[in-house]
Amino acid sequence: PPPNVTGSLHMGHALNNTLQDILIRFERMRGRDALWQPGTDHAGIATQMV
């Protein structure tokens, strides 16, 4: 992943990706044609707070 202005990677990053993975797998099990398009927005609010 790209550098983060809030510091180094931590468990919160892993939790976020895990929750996204769980939700997309659940929707696929329900028969939906779901696409998980991972991405980041590392230049948002955190940058404004610095």
PDB file of N, CA and C in Angstrom:
ATOM      1  N   PRO A   1       0.826  -1.209   0.000  1.00  0.00           N
ATOM      2  CA  PRO A   1       0.000   0.000   0.000  1.00  0.00           C
ATOM      3  C   PRO A   1       0.858   1.256   0.000  1.00  0.00           C
ATOM      4  N   PRO A   2       0.294   2.361  -0.424  1.00  0.00           N
ATOM      5  CA  PRO A   2       1.057   3.608  -0.440  1.00  0.00           C
ATOM      6  C   PRO A   2       1.332   4.103   0.975  1.00  0.00           C
ATOM      7  N   PRO A   3       2.302   4.984   1.135  1.00  0.00           N
ATOM      8  CA  PRO A   3       2.575   5.541   2.461  1.00  0.00           C
ATOM      9  C   PRO A   3       1.337   6.222   3.034  1.00  0.00           C
ATOM     10  N   ASN A   4       1.238   6.228   4.340  1.00  0.00           N
ATOM     11  CA  ASN A   4       0.078   6.788   5.014  1.00  0.00           C
ATOM     12  C   ASN A   4       0.533   7.911   5.933  1.00  0.00           C
ATOM     13  N   VAL A   5      -0.134   9.047   5.880  1.00  0.00           N
ATOM     14  CA  VAL A   5       0.277  10.180   6.710  1.00  0.00           C
ATOM     15  C   VAL A   5       0.007   9.939   8.183  1.00  0.00           C
ATOM     16  N   THR A   6      -0.810   8.947   8.509  1.00  0.00           N
ATOM     17  CA  THR A   6      -1.094   8.673   9.919  1.00  0.00           C
ATOM     18  C   THR A   6      -0.062   7.748  10.532  1.00  0.00           C
ATOM     19  N   GLY A   7       0.949   7.358   9.791  1.00  0.00           N
ATOM     20  CA  GLY A   7       2.004   6.505  10.333  1.00  0.00           C
ATOM     21  C   GLY A   7       2.096   5.184   9.594  1.00  0.00           C
ATOM     22  N   SER A   8       2.800   4.245  10.213  1.00  0.00           N
ATOM     23  CA  SER A   8       2.995   2.942   9.581  1.00  0.00           C
ATOM     24  C   SER A   8       1.720   2.109   9.641  1.00  0.00           C
ATOM     25  N   LEU A   9       1.722   1.039   8.869  1.00  0.00           N
ATOM     26  CA  LEU A   9       0.562   0.158   8.846  1.00  0.00           C
ATOM     27  C   LEU A   9       0.329  -0.446  10.227  1.00  0.00           C
ATOM     28  N   HIS A  10      -0.939  -0.648  10.569  1.00  0.00           N
ATOM     29  CA  HIS A  10      -1.288  -1.229  11.865  1.00  0.00           C
ATOM     30  C   HIS A  10      -2.492  -2.143  11.692  1.00  0.00           C
ATOM     31  N   MET A  11      -2.985  -2.712  12.784  1.00  0.00           N
ATOM     32  CA  MET A  11      -4.078  -3.690  12.726  1.00  0.00           C
ATOM     33  C   MET A  11      -5.360  -3.096  12.145  1.00  0.00           C
ATOM     34  N   GLY A  12      -5.547  -1.798  12.253  1.00  0.00           N
ATOM     35  CA  GLY A  12      -6.731  -1.167  11.689  1.00  0.00           C
ATOM     36  C   GLY A  12      -6.803  -1.326  10.180  1.00  0.00           C
ATOM     37  N   HIS A  13      -5.651  -1.280   9.522  1.00  0.00           N
ATOM     38  CA  HIS A  13      -5.619  -1.482   8.077  1.00  0.00           C
ATOM     39  C   HIS A  13      -6.039  -2.910   7.732  1.00  0.00           C
ATOM     40  N   ALA A  14      -5.535  -3.879   8.475  1.00  0.00           N
ATOM     41  CA  ALA A  14      -5.903  -5.279   8.231  1.00  0.00           C
ATOM     42  C   ALA A  14      -7.382  -5.504   8.517  1.00  0.00           C
ATOM     43  N   LEU A  15      -7.897  -4.879   9.564  1.00  0.00           N
ATOM     44  CA  LEU A  15      -9.316  -5.027   9.898  1.00  0.00           C
ATOM     45  C   LEU A  15     -10.194  -4.493   8.773  1.00  0.00           C
ATOM     46  N   ASN A  16      -9.846  -3.348   8.243  1.00  0.00           N
ATOM     47  CA  ASN A  16     -10.616  -2.749   7.157  1.00  0.00           C
ATOM     48  C   ASN A  16     -10.672  -3.685   5.945  1.00  0.00           C
ATOM     49  N   ASN A  17      -9.525  -4.215   5.542  1.00  0.00           N
ATOM     50  CA  ASN A  17      -9.493  -5.124   4.394  1.00  0.00           C
ATOM     51  C   ASN A  17     -10.245  -6.415   4.681  1.00  0.00           C
ATOM     52  N   THR A  18     -10.152  -6.915   5.905  1.00  0.00           N
ATOM     53  CA  THR A  18     -10.856  -8.143   6.279  1.00  0.00           C
ATOM     54  C   THR A  18     -12.360  -7.950   6.217  1.00  0.00           C
ATOM     55  N   LEU A  19     -12.854  -6.837   6.729  1.00  0.00           N
ATOM     56  CA  LEU A  19     -14.294  -6.576   6.691  1.00  0.00           C
ATOM     57  C   LEU A  19     -14.801  -6.450   5.256  1.00  0.00           C
ATOM     58  N   GLN A  20     -14.038  -5.794   4.415  1.00  0.00           N
ATOM     59  CA  GLN A  20     -14.429  -5.683   3.010  1.00  0.00           C
ATOM     60  C   GLN A  20     -14.489  -7.063   2.357  1.00  0.00           C
ATOM     61  N   ASP A  21     -13.510  -7.902   2.661  1.00  0.00           N
ATOM     62  CA  ASP A  21     -13.470  -9.246   2.098  1.00  0.00           C
ATOM     63  C   ASP A  21     -14.670 -10.070   2.564  1.00  0.00           C
ATOM     64  N   ILE A  22     -15.010  -9.975   3.842  1.00  0.00           N
ATOM     65  CA  ILE A  22     -16.160 -10.709   4.384  1.00  0.00           C
ATOM     66  C   ILE A  22     -17.445 -10.280   3.687  1.00  0.00           C
ATOM     67  N   LEU A  23     -17.635  -8.981   3.536  1.00  0.00           N
ATOM     68  CA  LEU A  23     -18.865  -8.490   2.919  1.00  0.00           C
ATOM     69  C   LEU A  23     -18.990  -8.913   1.456  1.00  0.00           C
ATOM     70  N   ILE A  24     -17.904  -8.843   0.708  1.00  0.00           N
ATOM     71  CA  ILE A  24     -17.989  -9.207  -0.705  1.00  0.00           C
ATOM     72  C   ILE A  24     -18.219 -10.698  -0.863  1.00  0.00           C
ATOM     73  N   ARG A  25     -17.603 -11.520  -0.003  1.00  0.00           N
ATOM     74  CA  ARG A  25     -17.833 -12.966  -0.067  1.00  0.00           C
ATOM     75  C   ARG A  25     -19.270 -13.308   0.296  1.00  0.00           C
ATOM     76  N   PHE A  26     -19.832 -12.610   1.273  1.00  0.00           N
ATOM     77  CA  PHE A  26     -21.222 -12.828   1.670  1.00  0.00           C
ATOM     78  C   PHE A  26     -22.168 -12.525   0.514  1.00  0.00           C
ATOM     79  N   GLU A  27     -21.930 -11.413  -0.167  1.00  0.00           N
ATOM     80  CA  GLU A  27     -22.786 -11.054  -1.300  1.00  0.00           C
ATOM     81  C   GLU A  27     -22.651 -12.067  -2.439  1.00  0.00           C
ATOM     82  N   ARG A  28     -21.453 -12.589  -2.655  1.00  0.00           N
ATOM     83  CA  ARG A  28     -21.271 -13.611  -3.688  1.00  0.00           C
ATOM     84  C   ARG A  28     -22.008 -14.891  -3.317  1.00  0.00           C
ATOM     85  N   MET A  29     -21.980 -15.259  -2.025  1.00  0.00           N
ATOM     86  CA  MET A  29     -22.711 -16.454  -1.592  1.00  0.00           C
ATOM     87  C   MET A  29     -24.211 -16.281  -1.783  1.00  0.00           C
ATOM     88  N   ARG A  30     -24.697 -15.053  -1.711  1.00  0.00           N
ATOM     89  CA  ARG A  30     -26.115 -14.773  -1.931  1.00  0.00           C
ATOM     90  C   ARG A  30     -26.479 -14.802  -3.414  1.00  0.00           C
ATOM     91  N   GLY A  31     -25.479 -14.997  -4.265  1.00  0.00           N
ATOM     92  CA  GLY A  31     -25.739 -15.108  -5.689  1.00  0.00           C
ATOM     93  C   GLY A  31     -25.571 -13.818  -6.462  1.00  0.00           C
ATOM     94  N   ARG A  32     -25.129 -12.785  -5.815  1.00  0.00           N
ATOM     95  CA  ARG A  32     -24.934 -11.515  -6.511  1.00  0.00           C
ATOM     96  C   ARG A  32     -23.630 -11.525  -7.297  1.00  0.00           C
ATOM     97  N   ASP A  33     -23.615 -10.785  -8.378  1.00  0.00           N
ATOM     98  CA  ASP A  33     -22.412 -10.631  -9.186  1.00  0.00           C
ATOM     99  C   ASP A  33     -21.621  -9.454  -8.617  1.00  0.00           C
ATOM    100  N   ALA A  34     -20.902  -9.726  -7.543  1.00  0.00           N
ATOM    101  CA  ALA A  34     -20.219  -8.663  -6.798  1.00  0.00           C
ATOM    102  C   ALA A  34     -18.741  -8.610  -7.170  1.00  0.00           C
ATOM    103  N   LEU A  35     -18.234  -7.404  -7.321  1.00  0.00           N
ATOM    104  CA  LEU A  35     -16.822  -7.183  -7.627  1.00  0.00           C
ATOM    105  C   LEU A  35     -16.201  -6.366  -6.505  1.00  0.00           C
ATOM    106  N   TRP A  36     -15.098  -6.873  -5.965  1.00  0.00           N
ATOM    107  CA  TRP A  36     -14.363  -6.113  -4.959  1.00  0.00           C
ATOM    108  C   TRP A  36     -13.226  -5.403  -5.678  1.00  0.00           C
ATOM    109  N   GLN A  37     -13.309  -4.092  -5.735  1.00  0.00           N
ATOM    110  CA  GLN A  37     -12.288  -3.275  -6.386  1.00  0.00           C
ATOM    111  C   GLN A  37     -11.510  -2.560  -5.288  1.00  0.00           C
ATOM    112  N   PRO A  38     -10.414  -3.166  -4.811  1.00  0.00           N
ATOM    113  CA  PRO A  38      -9.662  -2.518  -3.740  1.00  0.00           C
ATOM    114  C   PRO A  38      -8.985  -1.242  -4.231  1.00  0.00           C
ATOM    115  N   GLY A  39      -8.842  -0.312  -3.330  1.00  0.00           N
ATOM    116  CA  GLY A  39      -8.183   0.945  -3.652  1.00  0.00           C
ATOM    117  C   GLY A  39      -7.961   1.751  -2.388  1.00  0.00           C
ATOM    118  N   THR A  40      -7.258   2.837  -2.517  1.00  0.00           N
ATOM    119  CA  THR A  40      -6.987   3.685  -1.360  1.00  0.00           C
ATOM    120  C   THR A  40      -7.229   5.144  -1.715  1.00  0.00           C
ATOM    121  N   ASP A  41      -7.514   5.908  -0.710  1.00  0.00           N
ATOM    122  CA  ASP A  41      -7.616   7.356  -0.844  1.00  0.00           C
ATOM    123  C   ASP A  41      -6.734   7.936   0.252  1.00  0.00           C
ATOM    124  N   HIS A  42      -5.444   7.950  -0.012  1.00  0.00           N
ATOM    125  CA  HIS A  42      -4.496   8.356   1.016  1.00  0.00           C
ATOM    126  C   HIS A  42      -4.285   9.870   1.061  1.00  0.00           C
ATOM    127  N   ALA A  43      -5.037  10.635   0.289  1.00  0.00           N
ATOM    128  CA  ALA A  43      -4.838  12.080   0.276  1.00  0.00           C
ATOM    129  C   ALA A  43      -6.098  12.811   0.727  1.00  0.00           C
ATOM    130  N   GLY A  44      -6.854  12.208   1.604  1.00  0.00           N
ATOM    131  CA  GLY A  44      -8.120  12.793   2.036  1.00  0.00           C
ATOM    132  C   GLY A  44      -8.004  13.549   3.347  1.00  0.00           C
ATOM    133  N   ILE A  45      -8.911  13.284   4.253  1.00  0.00           N
ATOM    134  CA  ILE A  45      -9.029  14.029   5.509  1.00  0.00           C
ATOM    135  C   ILE A  45      -7.763  13.956   6.349  1.00  0.00           C
ATOM    136  N   ALA A  46      -7.098  12.797   6.382  1.00  0.00           N
ATOM    137  CA  ALA A  46      -5.891  12.676   7.198  1.00  0.00           C
ATOM    138  C   ALA A  46      -4.836  13.695   6.775  1.00  0.00           C
ATOM    139  N   THR A  47      -4.725  13.968   5.488  1.00  0.00           N
ATOM    140  CA  THR A  47      -3.759  14.951   5.007  1.00  0.00           C
ATOM    141  C   THR A  47      -4.162  16.354   5.435  1.00  0.00           C
ATOM    142  N   GLN A  48      -5.441  16.626   5.456  1.00  0.00           N
ATOM    143  CA  GLN A  48      -5.914  17.947   5.847  1.00  0.00           C
ATOM    144  C   GLN A  48      -5.650  18.226   7.323  1.00  0.00           C
ATOM    145  N   MET A  49      -5.557  17.170   8.129  1.00  0.00           N
ATOM    146  CA  MET A  49      -5.364  17.336   9.566  1.00  0.00           C
ATOM    147  C   MET A  49      -3.909  17.602   9.934  1.00  0.00           C
ATOM    148  N   VAL A  50      -2.971  17.331   9.015  1.00  0.00           N
ATOM    149  CA  VAL A  50      -1.542  17.497   9.314  1.00  0.00           C
ATOM    150  C   VAL A  50      -1.181  18.960   9.343  1.00  0.00           C
TER     151      VAL A  50
END
